């Protein structure tokens, strides 16, 4: 994911994307486990009905 995409998702109302922690105005951290879970929840397997 591009940093600008993550920034846009964080500042959307309501916020989108994986969970994050704001350490300061310029530092935002993401847990690898949170990101992996977020990606898994959006996984699409071609050929399977939704």
N, C-alpha and C. Protein backbone atom coordinates (compact mmCIF):
# COMPACT_ATOMS: atom_id res chain seq x y z
N UNK A 1 0.84 -1.18 0.00
CA UNK A 1 0.00 0.00 0.00
C UNK A 1 0.88 1.24 0.00
N UNK A 2 0.47 2.21 -0.71
CA UNK A 2 1.18 3.47 -0.79
C UNK A 2 0.88 4.31 0.47
N UNK A 3 1.87 5.05 0.95
CA UNK A 3 1.70 5.88 2.15
C UNK A 3 0.57 6.89 1.97
N UNK A 4 0.43 7.45 0.76
CA UNK A 4 -0.63 8.44 0.54
C UNK A 4 -2.01 7.80 0.62
N UNK A 5 -2.12 6.53 0.21
CA UNK A 5 -3.39 5.82 0.32
C UNK A 5 -3.75 5.62 1.79
N UNK A 6 -2.78 5.18 2.57
CA UNK A 6 -3.02 4.98 4.00
C UNK A 6 -3.40 6.30 4.67
N UNK A 7 -2.74 7.38 4.31
CA UNK A 7 -3.06 8.70 4.87
C UNK A 7 -4.50 9.10 4.52
N UNK A 8 -4.88 8.89 3.28
CA UNK A 8 -6.24 9.23 2.83
C UNK A 8 -7.27 8.40 3.59
N UNK A 9 -7.00 7.11 3.79
CA UNK A 9 -7.91 6.25 4.52
C UNK A 9 -8.04 6.69 5.98
N UNK A 10 -6.91 7.05 6.60
CA UNK A 10 -6.93 7.46 8.01
C UNK A 10 -7.72 8.74 8.22
N UNK A 11 -7.65 9.65 7.26
CA UNK A 11 -8.30 10.95 7.43
C UNK A 11 -9.74 10.97 6.90
N UNK A 12 -10.18 9.88 6.29
CA UNK A 12 -11.57 9.78 5.84
C UNK A 12 -12.49 9.77 7.05
N UNK A 13 -13.72 10.22 6.87
CA UNK A 13 -14.70 10.17 7.94
C UNK A 13 -15.87 9.34 7.48
N UNK A 14 -16.09 8.17 8.07
CA UNK A 14 -15.31 7.55 9.13
C UNK A 14 -13.99 6.99 8.59
N UNK A 15 -12.99 6.80 9.46
CA UNK A 15 -11.70 6.27 9.01
C UNK A 15 -11.87 4.91 8.33
N UNK A 16 -11.01 4.64 7.35
CA UNK A 16 -11.04 3.38 6.61
C UNK A 16 -9.69 2.70 6.78
N UNK A 17 -9.57 1.51 6.20
CA UNK A 17 -8.30 0.80 6.22
C UNK A 17 -8.07 0.06 7.52
N UNK A 18 -6.86 -0.48 7.65
CA UNK A 18 -6.55 -1.26 8.85
C UNK A 18 -6.43 -0.37 10.09
N UNK A 19 -6.61 -0.97 11.28
CA UNK A 19 -6.45 -0.20 12.52
C UNK A 19 -5.05 0.39 12.61
N UNK A 20 -4.93 1.53 13.27
CA UNK A 20 -3.64 2.20 13.39
C UNK A 20 -3.53 2.89 14.74
N UNK A 21 -2.30 3.26 15.10
CA UNK A 21 -2.03 3.98 16.33
C UNK A 21 -1.27 5.25 15.96
N UNK A 22 -1.82 6.40 16.35
CA UNK A 22 -1.14 7.68 16.11
C UNK A 22 -0.21 7.95 17.29
N UNK A 23 1.09 7.94 17.02
CA UNK A 23 2.09 8.21 18.05
C UNK A 23 2.27 9.72 18.19
N UNK A 24 2.25 10.41 17.08
CA UNK A 24 2.35 11.86 17.06
C UNK A 24 1.67 12.34 15.79
N UNK A 25 1.74 13.63 15.53
CA UNK A 25 1.10 14.16 14.32
C UNK A 25 1.70 13.56 13.05
N UNK A 26 2.97 13.20 13.10
CA UNK A 26 3.65 12.70 11.90
C UNK A 26 3.98 11.22 11.94
N UNK A 27 3.73 10.56 13.06
CA UNK A 27 4.10 9.14 13.18
C UNK A 27 2.85 8.31 13.46
N UNK A 28 2.60 7.37 12.55
CA UNK A 28 1.45 6.46 12.68
C UNK A 28 1.99 5.04 12.51
N UNK A 29 1.59 4.16 13.43
CA UNK A 29 2.06 2.77 13.37
C UNK A 29 0.89 1.83 13.08
N UNK A 30 1.23 0.73 12.41
CA UNK A 30 0.26 -0.32 12.09
C UNK A 30 0.81 -1.63 12.63
N UNK A 31 -0.03 -2.41 13.30
CA UNK A 31 0.34 -3.73 13.76
C UNK A 31 0.32 -4.68 12.56
N UNK A 32 1.36 -5.48 12.43
CA UNK A 32 1.40 -6.45 11.32
C UNK A 32 0.23 -7.42 11.42
N UNK A 33 -0.15 -7.80 12.64
CA UNK A 33 -1.28 -8.71 12.81
C UNK A 33 -2.60 -8.04 12.39
N UNK A 34 -2.78 -6.76 12.74
CA UNK A 34 -3.98 -6.03 12.32
C UNK A 34 -4.07 -5.91 10.81
N UNK A 35 -2.95 -5.60 10.19
CA UNK A 35 -2.93 -5.46 8.73
C UNK A 35 -3.23 -6.80 8.06
N UNK A 36 -2.62 -7.89 8.55
CA UNK A 36 -2.87 -9.21 7.98
C UNK A 36 -4.34 -9.60 8.12
N UNK A 37 -4.92 -9.33 9.29
CA UNK A 37 -6.34 -9.64 9.51
C UNK A 37 -7.22 -8.81 8.59
N UNK A 38 -6.89 -7.53 8.46
CA UNK A 38 -7.67 -6.63 7.60
C UNK A 38 -7.61 -7.11 6.14
N UNK A 39 -6.42 -7.50 5.69
CA UNK A 39 -6.29 -8.01 4.32
C UNK A 39 -7.07 -9.31 4.13
N UNK A 40 -6.97 -10.22 5.10
CA UNK A 40 -7.70 -11.49 5.02
C UNK A 40 -9.21 -11.26 4.92
N UNK A 41 -9.71 -10.27 5.64
CA UNK A 41 -11.15 -10.02 5.63
C UNK A 41 -11.64 -9.47 4.29
N UNK A 42 -10.73 -8.99 3.46
CA UNK A 42 -11.10 -8.43 2.16
C UNK A 42 -10.68 -9.31 0.99
N UNK A 43 -10.24 -10.50 1.29
CA UNK A 43 -9.73 -11.42 0.27
C UNK A 43 -10.87 -11.87 -0.65
N UNK A 44 -10.58 -11.88 -1.93
CA UNK A 44 -11.52 -12.35 -2.94
C UNK A 44 -10.87 -13.52 -3.67
N UNK A 45 -11.60 -14.63 -3.75
CA UNK A 45 -11.12 -15.79 -4.48
C UNK A 45 -11.90 -15.85 -5.79
N UNK A 46 -11.23 -15.61 -6.93
CA UNK A 46 -11.93 -15.64 -8.22
C UNK A 46 -12.62 -16.99 -8.44
N UNK A 47 -13.79 -16.94 -9.01
CA UNK A 47 -14.52 -18.15 -9.30
C UNK A 47 -15.47 -18.57 -8.20
N UNK A 48 -15.39 -17.93 -7.05
CA UNK A 48 -16.32 -18.26 -5.96
C UNK A 48 -17.32 -17.13 -5.82
N UNK A 49 -18.55 -17.53 -5.56
CA UNK A 49 -19.58 -16.52 -5.38
C UNK A 49 -19.41 -15.83 -4.04
N UNK A 50 -19.73 -14.54 -4.00
CA UNK A 50 -19.58 -13.77 -2.77
C UNK A 50 -20.66 -14.08 -1.77
